[in-house]
Amino acid sequence: MTEKTSEWKTVSIRQELIKEIEEAIKTGRYRSISEFVSEAIRLRLEDLMRAEGISVEKRKELLAKPELLLYTPKHTWAQITPEGNIRVGVSEYAQKHLKSIVRVLTEPVGKEINKMEPFGVAETWMFMFDLYAPVSGKIVKVNEKLKNEPNIINEDPYNEGWIVEIKPKNSLVLEEELKKLLSAREYNKWINKLEGRLRE
Protein backbone atom coordinates (compact mmCIF):
# COMPACT_ATOMS: atom_id res chain seq x y z
CA MET A 1 0.00 0.00 0.00
CA THR A 2 2.82 2.36 0.91
CA GLU A 3 4.64 1.58 -2.34
CA LYS A 4 1.55 2.40 -4.43
CA THR A 5 1.11 5.74 -2.65
CA SER A 6 4.78 6.57 -3.27
CA GLU A 7 4.47 5.72 -6.97
CA TRP A 8 1.34 7.85 -7.31
CA LYS A 9 3.12 10.86 -5.77
CA THR A 10 6.08 10.48 -8.12
CA VAL A 11 3.82 10.46 -11.19
CA SER A 12 1.87 13.45 -9.86
CA ILE A 13 5.04 15.53 -9.44
CA ARG A 14 6.16 14.68 -12.96
CA GLN A 15 2.82 15.72 -14.42
CA GLU A 16 2.91 19.02 -12.55
CA LEU A 17 6.43 19.69 -13.79
CA ILE A 18 5.43 18.99 -17.38
CA LYS A 19 2.51 21.41 -17.01
CA GLU A 20 4.86 24.10 -15.69
CA ILE A 21 7.22 23.56 -18.62
CA GLU A 22 4.32 23.74 -21.08
CA GLU A 23 3.22 27.03 -19.51
CA ALA A 24 6.78 28.37 -19.77
CA ILE A 25 6.81 27.42 -23.47
CA LYS A 26 3.47 29.18 -24.04
CA THR A 27 4.80 32.39 -22.48
CA GLY A 28 7.90 32.21 -24.66
CA ARG A 29 10.42 31.55 -21.90
CA TYR A 30 11.41 28.29 -23.59
CA ARG A 31 10.80 27.15 -27.14
CA SER A 32 10.58 23.43 -26.40
CA ILE A 33 10.78 20.85 -23.62
CA SER A 34 14.22 19.82 -24.91
CA GLU A 35 15.45 23.41 -24.54
CA PHE A 36 14.20 23.47 -20.94
CA VAL A 37 15.96 20.19 -20.21
CA SER A 38 19.21 21.40 -21.80
CA GLU A 39 19.17 24.58 -19.71
CA ALA A 40 18.36 22.63 -16.54
CA ILE A 41 21.26 20.25 -17.20
CA ARG A 42 23.64 23.15 -17.86
CA LEU A 43 22.68 24.89 -14.61
CA ARG A 44 22.92 21.65 -12.64
CA LEU A 45 26.35 20.88 -14.08
CA GLU A 46 27.53 24.36 -13.16
CA ASP A 47 26.25 23.94 -9.58
CA LEU A 48 28.02 20.59 -9.25
CA MET A 49 31.29 21.95 -10.64
CA ARG A 50 31.10 24.96 -8.32
CA ALA A 51 30.54 22.63 -5.35
CA GLU A 52 33.58 20.59 -6.41
CA GLY A 53 35.72 23.72 -6.40
CA ILE A 54 36.31 23.76 -10.16
CA SER A 55 37.63 27.15 -11.25
CA VAL A 56 35.55 29.65 -13.22
CA GLU A 57 37.79 29.30 -16.29
CA LYS A 58 37.57 25.51 -16.22
CA ARG A 59 33.77 25.69 -15.85
CA LYS A 60 33.63 27.95 -18.91
CA GLU A 61 35.67 25.43 -20.88
CA LEU A 62 33.54 22.47 -19.84
CA LEU A 63 30.27 24.28 -20.57
CA ALA A 64 31.37 25.63 -23.97
CA LYS A 65 29.89 22.71 -25.86
CA PRO A 66 28.27 23.46 -29.24
CA GLU A 67 25.00 21.80 -28.21
CA LEU A 68 24.73 24.06 -25.12
CA LEU A 69 25.19 27.33 -27.00
CA LEU A 70 22.80 29.70 -28.77
CA TYR A 71 23.44 31.00 -32.28
CA THR A 72 22.66 33.82 -34.69
CA PRO A 73 21.92 33.23 -38.40
CA LYS A 74 25.17 35.16 -38.98
CA HIS A 75 27.19 32.29 -37.43
CA THR A 76 28.13 33.81 -34.09
CA TRP A 77 27.43 31.90 -30.88
CA ALA A 78 26.47 33.09 -27.40
CA GLN A 79 27.32 31.56 -24.04
CA ILE A 80 26.32 32.86 -20.60
CA THR A 81 29.41 32.97 -18.39
CA PRO A 82 29.40 32.40 -14.60
CA GLU A 83 29.79 36.20 -14.21
CA GLY A 84 26.61 36.83 -16.21
CA ASN A 85 28.35 38.14 -19.33
CA ILE A 86 27.73 36.81 -22.82
CA ARG A 87 30.81 35.25 -24.39
CA VAL A 88 30.77 35.41 -28.18
CA GLY A 89 32.60 33.52 -30.91
CA VAL A 90 32.07 32.08 -34.38
CA SER A 91 30.71 28.63 -35.13
CA GLU A 92 32.57 25.61 -36.43
CA TYR A 93 30.64 25.98 -39.68
CA ALA A 94 31.87 29.56 -40.12
CA GLN A 95 35.51 28.87 -39.28
CA LYS A 96 35.62 26.03 -41.80
CA HIS A 97 34.49 28.43 -44.51
CA LEU A 98 36.87 31.15 -43.36
CA LYS A 99 39.73 28.62 -43.34
CA SER A 100 42.88 30.59 -42.45
CA ILE A 101 41.99 33.64 -40.36
CA VAL A 102 44.90 36.10 -40.43
CA ARG A 103 43.49 38.98 -38.38
CA VAL A 104 40.60 39.75 -36.03
CA LEU A 105 39.53 43.33 -35.36
CA THR A 106 36.91 44.25 -32.76
CA GLU A 107 35.39 47.31 -31.18
CA PRO A 108 37.24 48.32 -27.98
CA VAL A 109 36.30 47.45 -24.42
CA GLY A 110 33.61 49.86 -23.23
CA LYS A 111 31.90 50.12 -26.61
CA GLU A 112 28.09 49.87 -26.51
CA ILE A 113 26.61 47.65 -29.22
CA ASN A 114 23.15 46.52 -30.25
CA LYS A 115 22.00 43.04 -31.10
CA MET A 116 22.84 41.97 -34.67
CA GLU A 117 25.15 44.92 -35.23
CA PRO A 118 28.75 44.18 -36.31
CA PHE A 119 31.22 44.38 -33.44
CA GLY A 120 34.24 43.44 -35.53
CA VAL A 121 35.61 41.53 -38.51
CA ALA A 122 37.59 38.36 -39.12
CA GLU A 123 39.96 38.68 -42.06
CA THR A 124 41.31 35.97 -44.32
CA TRP A 125 43.58 36.34 -47.34
CA MET A 126 40.45 36.29 -49.51
CA PHE A 127 37.81 38.42 -47.76
CA MET A 128 36.51 40.07 -44.58
CA PHE A 129 33.78 38.46 -42.49
CA ASP A 130 31.59 40.70 -40.30
CA LEU A 131 31.06 39.54 -36.72
CA TYR A 132 27.55 40.19 -35.39
CA ALA A 133 26.58 40.66 -31.75
CA PRO A 134 24.03 38.10 -30.50
CA VAL A 135 22.87 40.47 -27.73
CA SER A 136 22.91 44.17 -26.85
CA GLY A 137 25.26 45.56 -24.22
CA LYS A 138 28.79 46.75 -23.54
CA ILE A 139 31.97 44.97 -24.57
CA VAL A 140 33.80 44.20 -21.32
CA LYS A 141 36.46 41.74 -22.54
CA VAL A 142 38.35 41.10 -25.75
CA ASN A 143 40.35 37.92 -26.31
CA GLU A 144 43.86 39.36 -26.43
CA LYS A 145 45.32 36.07 -27.67
CA LEU A 146 43.73 36.67 -31.06
CA LYS A 147 45.98 39.68 -31.73
CA ASN A 148 48.98 37.43 -32.26
CA GLU A 149 47.23 34.11 -32.90
CA PRO A 150 43.99 34.74 -34.83
CA ASN A 151 44.13 31.18 -36.16
CA ILE A 152 43.06 29.97 -32.69
CA ILE A 153 39.53 30.53 -33.97
CA ASN A 154 40.14 27.90 -36.65
CA GLU A 155 41.68 25.49 -34.17
CA ASP A 156 39.29 25.90 -31.23
CA PRO A 157 36.27 28.12 -32.05
CA TYR A 158 34.26 27.22 -28.93
CA ASN A 159 36.92 27.56 -26.24
CA GLU A 160 40.25 29.36 -26.72
CA GLY A 161 38.92 31.01 -29.88
CA TRP A 162 36.21 33.11 -28.21
CA ILE A 163 36.28 36.73 -29.40
CA VAL A 164 34.56 39.11 -26.95
CA GLU A 165 32.42 39.18 -23.83
CA ILE A 166 29.41 41.48 -23.64
CA LYS A 167 27.78 42.74 -20.46
CA PRO A 168 24.02 42.78 -21.17
CA LYS A 169 22.06 46.02 -20.77
CA ASN A 170 19.72 44.40 -18.25
CA SER A 171 18.18 41.02 -17.50
CA LEU A 172 14.82 41.79 -19.13
CA VAL A 173 16.38 42.86 -22.43
CA LEU A 174 18.74 39.88 -22.30
CA GLU A 175 15.91 37.40 -21.74
CA GLU A 176 13.99 38.74 -24.73
CA GLU A 177 17.06 38.72 -26.97
CA LEU A 178 18.10 35.20 -25.99
CA LYS A 179 14.62 33.91 -26.86
CA LYS A 180 15.17 35.02 -30.45
CA LEU A 181 18.49 33.24 -30.89
CA LEU A 182 18.73 29.78 -32.43
CA SER A 183 19.23 26.60 -30.45
CA ALA A 184 21.93 24.21 -31.67
CA ARG A 185 19.28 22.12 -33.43
CA GLU A 186 17.72 25.16 -35.10
CA TYR A 187 21.13 26.43 -36.16
CA ASN A 188 22.00 23.07 -37.72
CA LYS A 189 18.75 23.18 -39.70
CA TRP A 190 19.65 26.70 -40.82
CA ILE A 191 23.12 25.82 -42.09
CA ASN A 192 21.71 22.77 -43.89
CA LYS A 193 19.49 25.17 -45.85
CA LEU A 194 22.53 27.24 -46.79
CA GLU A 195 23.99 24.22 -48.61
CA GLY A 196 27.61 25.11 -47.96
CA ARG A 197 27.29 28.90 -48.18
CA LEU A 198 27.81 31.48 -45.44
CA ARG A 199 24.87 33.59 -46.62
CA GLU A 200 21.50 32.97 -48.25
C-alpha atoms as a PDB file:
ATOM      1  CA  MET A   1       0.000   0.000   0.000  1.00  0.00           C
ATOM      2  CA  THR A   2       2.817   2.359   0.911  1.00  0.00           C
ATOM      3  CA  GLU A   3       4.641   1.583  -2.338  1.00  0.00           C
ATOM      4  CA  LYS A   4       1.552   2.405  -4.425  1.00  0.00           C
ATOM      5  CA  THR A   5       1.114   5.743  -2.654  1.00  0.00           C
ATOM      6  CA  SER A   6       4.781   6.571  -3.269  1.00  0.00           C
ATOM      7  CA  GLU A   7       4.472   5.718  -6.967  1.00  0.00           C
ATOM      8  CA  TRP A   8       1.341   7.848  -7.307  1.00  0.00           C
ATOM      9  CA  LYS A   9       3.116  10.858  -5.769  1.00  0.00           C
ATOM     10  CA  THR A  10       6.076  10.476  -8.124  1.00  0.00           C
ATOM     11  CA  VAL A  11       3.819  10.455 -11.193  1.00  0.00           C
ATOM     12  CA  SER A  12       1.870  13.446  -9.856  1.00  0.00           C
ATOM     13  CA  ILE A  13       5.038  15.527  -9.436  1.00  0.00           C
ATOM     14  CA  ARG A  14       6.163  14.679 -12.959  1.00  0.00           C
ATOM     15  CA  GLN A  15       2.818  15.722 -14.424  1.00  0.00           C
ATOM     16  CA  GLU A  16       2.908  19.016 -12.549  1.00  0.00           C
ATOM     17  CA  LEU A  17       6.433  19.691 -13.786  1.00  0.00           C
ATOM     18  CA  ILE A  18       5.427  18.991 -17.379  1.00  0.00           C
ATOM     19  CA  LYS A  19       2.506  21.409 -17.007  1.00  0.00           C
ATOM     20  CA  GLU A  20       4.864  24.096 -15.688  1.00  0.00           C
ATOM     21  CA  ILE A  21       7.218  23.556 -18.623  1.00  0.00           C
ATOM     22  CA  GLU A  22       4.325  23.742 -21.084  1.00  0.00           C
ATOM     23  CA  GLU A  23       3.218  27.032 -19.514  1.00  0.00           C
ATOM     24  CA  ALA A  24       6.778  28.366 -19.774  1.00  0.00           C
ATOM     25  CA  ILE A  25       6.810  27.424 -23.471  1.00  0.00           C
ATOM     26  CA  LYS A  26       3.470  29.184 -24.043  1.00  0.00           C
ATOM     27  CA  THR A  27       4.797  32.387 -22.476  1.00  0.00           C
ATOM     28  CA  GLY A  28       7.902  32.212 -24.665  1.00  0.00           C
ATOM     29  CA  ARG A  29      10.416  31.552 -21.904  1.00  0.00           C
ATOM     30  CA  TYR A  30      11.410  28.292 -23.587  1.00  0.00           C
ATOM     31  CA  ARG A  31      10.804  27.146 -27.141  1.00  0.00           C
ATOM     32  CA  SER A  32      10.580  23.429 -26.404  1.00  0.00           C
ATOM     33  CA  ILE A  33      10.780  20.848 -23.622  1.00  0.00           C
ATOM     34  CA  SER A  34      14.222  19.816 -24.907  1.00  0.00           C
ATOM     35  CA  GLU A  35      15.450  23.413 -24.544  1.00  0.00           C
ATOM     36  CA  PHE A  36      14.205  23.474 -20.937  1.00  0.00           C
ATOM     37  CA  VAL A  37      15.962  20.187 -20.206  1.00  0.00           C
ATOM     38  CA  SER A  38      19.214  21.403 -21.798  1.00  0.00           C
ATOM     39  CA  GLU A  39      19.173  24.575 -19.709  1.00  0.00           C
ATOM     40  CA  ALA A  40      18.359  22.627 -16.536  1.00  0.00           C
ATOM     41  CA  ILE A  41      21.256  20.250 -17.204  1.00  0.00           C
ATOM     42  CA  ARG A  42      23.636  23.149 -17.858  1.00  0.00           C
ATOM     43  CA  LEU A  43      22.685  24.891 -14.608  1.00  0.00           C
ATOM     44  CA  ARG A  44      22.921  21.647 -12.639  1.00  0.00           C
ATOM     45  CA  LEU A  45      26.353  20.883 -14.083  1.00  0.00           C
ATOM     46  CA  GLU A  46      27.533  24.361 -13.159  1.00  0.00           C
ATOM     47  CA  ASP A  47      26.245  23.938  -9.583  1.00  0.00           C
ATOM     48  CA  LEU A  48      28.024  20.590  -9.253  1.00  0.00           C
ATOM     49  CA  MET A  49      31.288  21.955 -10.643  1.00  0.00           C
ATOM     50  CA  ARG A  50      31.101  24.962  -8.321  1.00  0.00           C
ATOM     51  CA  ALA A  51      30.544  22.633  -5.354  1.00  0.00           C
ATOM     52  CA  GLU A  52      33.579  20.589  -6.414  1.00  0.00           C
ATOM     53  CA  GLY A  53      35.720  23.722  -6.404  1.00  0.00           C
ATOM     54  CA  ILE A  54      36.305  23.757 -10.164  1.00  0.00           C
ATOM     55  CA  SER A  55      37.630  27.150 -11.245  1.00  0.00           C
ATOM     56  CA  VAL A  56      35.549  29.650 -13.220  1.00  0.00           C
ATOM     57  CA  GLU A  57      37.792  29.300 -16.288  1.00  0.00           C
ATOM     58  CA  LYS A  58      37.567  25.514 -16.218  1.00  0.00           C
ATOM     59  CA  ARG A  59      33.773  25.694 -15.853  1.00  0.00           C
ATOM     60  CA  LYS A  60      33.632  27.954 -18.910  1.00  0.00           C
ATOM     61  CA  GLU A  61      35.670  25.434 -20.883  1.00  0.00           C
ATOM     62  CA  LEU A  62      33.538  22.473 -19.838  1.00  0.00           C
ATOM     63  CA  LEU A  63      30.266  24.276 -20.571  1.00  0.00           C
ATOM     64  CA  ALA A  64      31.366  25.627 -23.966  1.00  0.00           C
ATOM     65  CA  LYS A  65      29.892  22.708 -25.864  1.00  0.00           C
ATOM     66  CA  PRO A  66      28.270  23.456 -29.244  1.00  0.00           C
ATOM     67  CA  GLU A  67      24.999  21.799 -28.206  1.00  0.00           C
ATOM     68  CA  LEU A  68      24.728  24.057 -25.117  1.00  0.00           C
ATOM     69  CA  LEU A  69      25.194  27.331 -26.999  1.00  0.00           C
ATOM     70  CA  LEU A  70      22.802  29.698 -28.768  1.00  0.00           C
ATOM     71  CA  TYR A  71      23.443  30.996 -32.279  1.00  0.00           C
ATOM     72  CA  THR A  72      22.655  33.816 -34.695  1.00  0.00           C
ATOM     73  CA  PRO A  73      21.922  33.226 -38.396  1.00  0.00           C
ATOM     74  CA  LYS A  74      25.172  35.159 -38.979  1.00  0.00           C
ATOM     75  CA  HIS A  75      27.185  32.294 -37.433  1.00  0.00           C
ATOM     76  CA  THR A  76      28.131  33.812 -34.088  1.00  0.00           C
ATOM     77  CA  TRP A  77      27.433  31.897 -30.883  1.00  0.00           C
ATOM     78  CA  ALA A  78      26.475  33.092 -27.395  1.00  0.00           C
ATOM     79  CA  GLN A  79      27.323  31.558 -24.037  1.00  0.00           C
ATOM     80  CA  ILE A  80      26.315  32.864 -20.604  1.00  0.00           C
ATOM     81  CA  THR A  81      29.414  32.968 -18.386  1.00  0.00           C
ATOM     82  CA  PRO A  82      29.398  32.402 -14.602  1.00  0.00           C
ATOM     83  CA  GLU A  83      29.789  36.195 -14.214  1.00  0.00           C
ATOM     84  CA  GLY A  84      26.615  36.828 -16.205  1.00  0.00           C
ATOM     85  CA  ASN A  85      28.347  38.141 -19.327  1.00  0.00           C
ATOM     86  CA  ILE A  86      27.731  36.811 -22.821  1.00  0.00           C
ATOM     87  CA  ARG A  87      30.806  35.252 -24.385  1.00  0.00           C
ATOM     88  CA  VAL A  88      30.772  35.414 -28.184  1.00  0.00           C
ATOM     89  CA  GLY A  89      32.596  33.523 -30.914  1.00  0.00           C
ATOM     90  CA  VAL A  90      32.066  32.079 -34.385  1.00  0.00           C
ATOM     91  CA  SER A  91      30.708  28.631 -35.132  1.00  0.00           C
ATOM     92  CA  GLU A  92      32.570  25.613 -36.430  1.00  0.00           C
ATOM     93  CA  TYR A  93      30.641  25.981 -39.681  1.00  0.00           C
ATOM     94  CA  ALA A  94      31.870  29.563 -40.121  1.00  0.00           C
ATOM     95  CA  GLN A  95      35.507  28.871 -39.278  1.00  0.00           C
ATOM     96  CA  LYS A  96      35.623  26.030 -41.804  1.00  0.00           C
ATOM     97  CA  HIS A  97      34.491  28.432 -44.512  1.00  0.00           C
ATOM     98  CA  LEU A  98      36.872  31.148 -43.357  1.00  0.00           C
ATOM     99  CA  LYS A  99      39.734  28.621 -43.344  1.00  0.00           C
ATOM    100  CA  SER A 100      42.882  30.586 -42.454  1.00  0.00           C
ATOM    101  CA  ILE A 101      41.990  33.637 -40.361  1.00  0.00           C
ATOM    102  CA  VAL A 102      44.895  36.102 -40.430  1.00  0.00           C
ATOM    103  CA  ARG A 103      43.485  38.983 -38.380  1.00  0.00           C
ATOM    104  CA  VAL A 104      40.602  39.748 -36.027  1.00  0.00           C
ATOM    105  CA  LEU A 105      39.531  43.329 -35.363  1.00  0.00           C
ATOM    106  CA  THR A 106      36.914  44.248 -32.759  1.00  0.00           C
ATOM    107  CA  GLU A 107      35.386  47.307 -31.182  1.00  0.00           C
ATOM    108  CA  PRO A 108      37.236  48.318 -27.979  1.00  0.00           C
ATOM    109  CA  VAL A 109      36.299  47.453 -24.418  1.00  0.00           C
ATOM    110  CA  GLY A 110      33.613  49.864 -23.234  1.00  0.00           C
ATOM    111  CA  LYS A 111      31.901  50.122 -26.615  1.00  0.00           C
ATOM    112  CA  GLU A 112      28.093  49.868 -26.514  1.00  0.00           C
ATOM    113  CA  ILE A 113      26.612  47.654 -29.219  1.00  0.00           C
ATOM    114  CA  ASN A 114      23.150  46.522 -30.249  1.00  0.00           C
ATOM    115  CA  LYS A 115      22.004  43.039 -31.100  1.00  0.00           C
ATOM    116  CA  MET A 116      22.837  41.965 -34.669  1.00  0.00           C
ATOM    117  CA  GLU A 117      25.151  44.923 -35.233  1.00  0.00           C
ATOM    118  CA  PRO A 118      28.746  44.183 -36.315  1.00  0.00           C
ATOM    119  CA  PHE A 119      31.220  44.382 -33.442  1.00  0.00           C
ATOM    120  CA  GLY A 120      34.243  43.438 -35.526  1.00  0.00           C
ATOM    121  CA  VAL A 121      35.613  41.534 -38.506  1.00  0.00           C
ATOM    122  CA  ALA A 122      37.586  38.364 -39.122  1.00  0.00           C
ATOM    123  CA  GLU A 123      39.963  38.679 -42.058  1.00  0.00           C
ATOM    124  CA  THR A 124      41.308  35.965 -44.319  1.00  0.00           C
ATOM    125  CA  TRP A 125      43.578  36.341 -47.344  1.00  0.00           C
ATOM    126  CA  MET A 126      40.450  36.292 -49.506  1.00  0.00           C
ATOM    127  CA  PHE A 127      37.810  38.421 -47.762  1.00  0.00           C
ATOM    128  CA  MET A 128      36.514  40.071 -44.581  1.00  0.00           C
ATOM    129  CA  PHE A 129      33.777  38.463 -42.491  1.00  0.00           C
ATOM    130  CA  ASP A 130      31.590  40.698 -40.304  1.00  0.00           C
ATOM    131  CA  LEU A 131      31.064  39.540 -36.717  1.00  0.00           C
ATOM    132  CA  TYR A 132      27.552  40.186 -35.392  1.00  0.00           C
ATOM    133  CA  ALA A 133      26.581  40.656 -31.752  1.00  0.00           C
ATOM    134  CA  PRO A 134      24.027  38.100 -30.504  1.00  0.00           C
ATOM    135  CA  VAL A 135      22.873  40.471 -27.731  1.00  0.00           C
ATOM    136  CA  SER A 136      22.910  44.169 -26.847  1.00  0.00           C
ATOM    137  CA  GLY A 137      25.258  45.556 -24.223  1.00  0.00           C
ATOM    138  CA  LYS A 138      28.786  46.753 -23.544  1.00  0.00           C
ATOM    139  CA  ILE A 139      31.973  44.965 -24.568  1.00  0.00           C
ATOM    140  CA  VAL A 140      33.802  44.201 -21.321  1.00  0.00           C
ATOM    141  CA  LYS A 141      36.457  41.745 -22.538  1.00  0.00           C
ATOM    142  CA  VAL A 142      38.347  41.099 -25.754  1.00  0.00           C
ATOM    143  CA  ASN A 143      40.346  37.916 -26.310  1.00  0.00           C
ATOM    144  CA  GLU A 144      43.862  39.360 -26.431  1.00  0.00           C
ATOM    145  CA  LYS A 145      45.324  36.071 -27.673  1.00  0.00           C
ATOM    146  CA  LEU A 146      43.727  36.673 -31.057  1.00  0.00           C
ATOM    147  CA  LYS A 147      45.980  39.678 -31.730  1.00  0.00           C
ATOM    148  CA  ASN A 148      48.984  37.427 -32.261  1.00  0.00           C
ATOM    149  CA  GLU A 149      47.227  34.112 -32.897  1.00  0.00           C
ATOM    150  CA  PRO A 150      43.988  34.737 -34.831  1.00  0.00           C
ATOM    151  CA  ASN A 151      44.129  31.181 -36.163  1.00  0.00           C
ATOM    152  CA  ILE A 152      43.064  29.971 -32.692  1.00  0.00           C
ATOM    153  CA  ILE A 153      39.526  30.527 -33.973  1.00  0.00           C
ATOM    154  CA  ASN A 154      40.137  27.901 -36.654  1.00  0.00           C
ATOM    155  CA  GLU A 155      41.679  25.492 -34.172  1.00  0.00           C
ATOM    156  CA  ASP A 156      39.290  25.899 -31.232  1.00  0.00           C
ATOM    157  CA  PRO A 157      36.270  28.119 -32.048  1.00  0.00           C
ATOM    158  CA  TYR A 158      34.256  27.216 -28.933  1.00  0.00           C
ATOM    159  CA  ASN A 159      36.920  27.564 -26.242  1.00  0.00           C
ATOM    160  CA  GLU A 160      40.245  29.358 -26.724  1.00  0.00           C
ATOM    161  CA  GLY A 161      38.918  31.012 -29.883  1.00  0.00           C
ATOM    162  CA  TRP A 162      36.214  33.112 -28.213  1.00  0.00           C
ATOM    163  CA  ILE A 163      36.276  36.728 -29.403  1.00  0.00           C
ATOM    164  CA  VAL A 164      34.565  39.114 -26.953  1.00  0.00           C
ATOM    165  CA  GLU A 165      32.422  39.176 -23.835  1.00  0.00           C
ATOM    166  CA  ILE A 166      29.411  41.476 -23.638  1.00  0.00           C
ATOM    167  CA  LYS A 167      27.781  42.739 -20.458  1.00  0.00           C
ATOM    168  CA  PRO A 168      24.020  42.777 -21.170  1.00  0.00           C
ATOM    169  CA  LYS A 169      22.063  46.016 -20.767  1.00  0.00           C
ATOM    170  CA  ASN A 170      19.723  44.395 -18.245  1.00  0.00           C
ATOM    171  CA  SER A 171      18.179  41.017 -17.499  1.00  0.00           C
ATOM    172  CA  LEU A 172      14.819  41.789 -19.131  1.00  0.00           C
ATOM    173  CA  VAL A 173      16.381  42.861 -22.427  1.00  0.00           C
ATOM    174  CA  LEU A 174      18.742  39.883 -22.297  1.00  0.00           C
ATOM    175  CA  GLU A 175      15.914  37.402 -21.735  1.00  0.00           C
ATOM    176  CA  GLU A 176      13.987  38.741 -24.726  1.00  0.00           C
ATOM    177  CA  GLU A 177      17.056  38.719 -26.969  1.00  0.00           C
ATOM    178  CA  LEU A 178      18.101  35.199 -25.985  1.00  0.00           C
ATOM    179  CA  LYS A 179      14.621  33.914 -26.864  1.00  0.00           C
ATOM    180  CA  LYS A 180      15.173  35.023 -30.454  1.00  0.00           C
ATOM    181  CA  LEU A 181      18.495  33.235 -30.893  1.00  0.00           C
ATOM    182  CA  LEU A 182      18.726  29.778 -32.435  1.00  0.00           C
ATOM    183  CA  SER A 183      19.227  26.603 -30.451  1.00  0.00           C
ATOM    184  CA  ALA A 184      21.926  24.205 -31.668  1.00  0.00           C
ATOM    185  CA  ARG A 185      19.279  22.117 -33.434  1.00  0.00           C
ATOM    186  CA  GLU A 186      17.721  25.165 -35.098  1.00  0.00           C
ATOM    187  CA  TYR A 187      21.129  26.427 -36.163  1.00  0.00           C
ATOM    188  CA  ASN A 188      21.997  23.070 -37.718  1.00  0.00           C
ATOM    189  CA  LYS A 189      18.749  23.185 -39.703  1.00  0.00           C
ATOM    190  CA  TRP A 190      19.648  26.704 -40.820  1.00  0.00           C
ATOM    191  CA  ILE A 191      23.123  25.816 -42.094  1.00  0.00           C
ATOM    192  CA  ASN A 192      21.707  22.773 -43.891  1.00  0.00           C
ATOM    193  CA  LYS A 193      19.487  25.167 -45.847  1.00  0.00           C
ATOM    194  CA  LEU A 194      22.527  27.240 -46.794  1.00  0.00           C
ATOM    195  CA  GLU A 195      23.991  24.225 -48.612  1.00  0.00           C
ATOM    196  CA  GLY A 196      27.611  25.107 -47.963  1.00  0.00           C
ATOM    197  CA  ARG A 197      27.287  28.895 -48.181  1.00  0.00           C
ATOM    198  CA  LEU A 198      27.806  31.482 -45.439  1.00  0.00           C
ATOM    199  CA  ARG A 199      24.866  33.591 -46.622  1.00  0.00           C
ATOM    200  CA  GLU A 200      21.500  32.971 -48.251  1.00  0.00           C
END
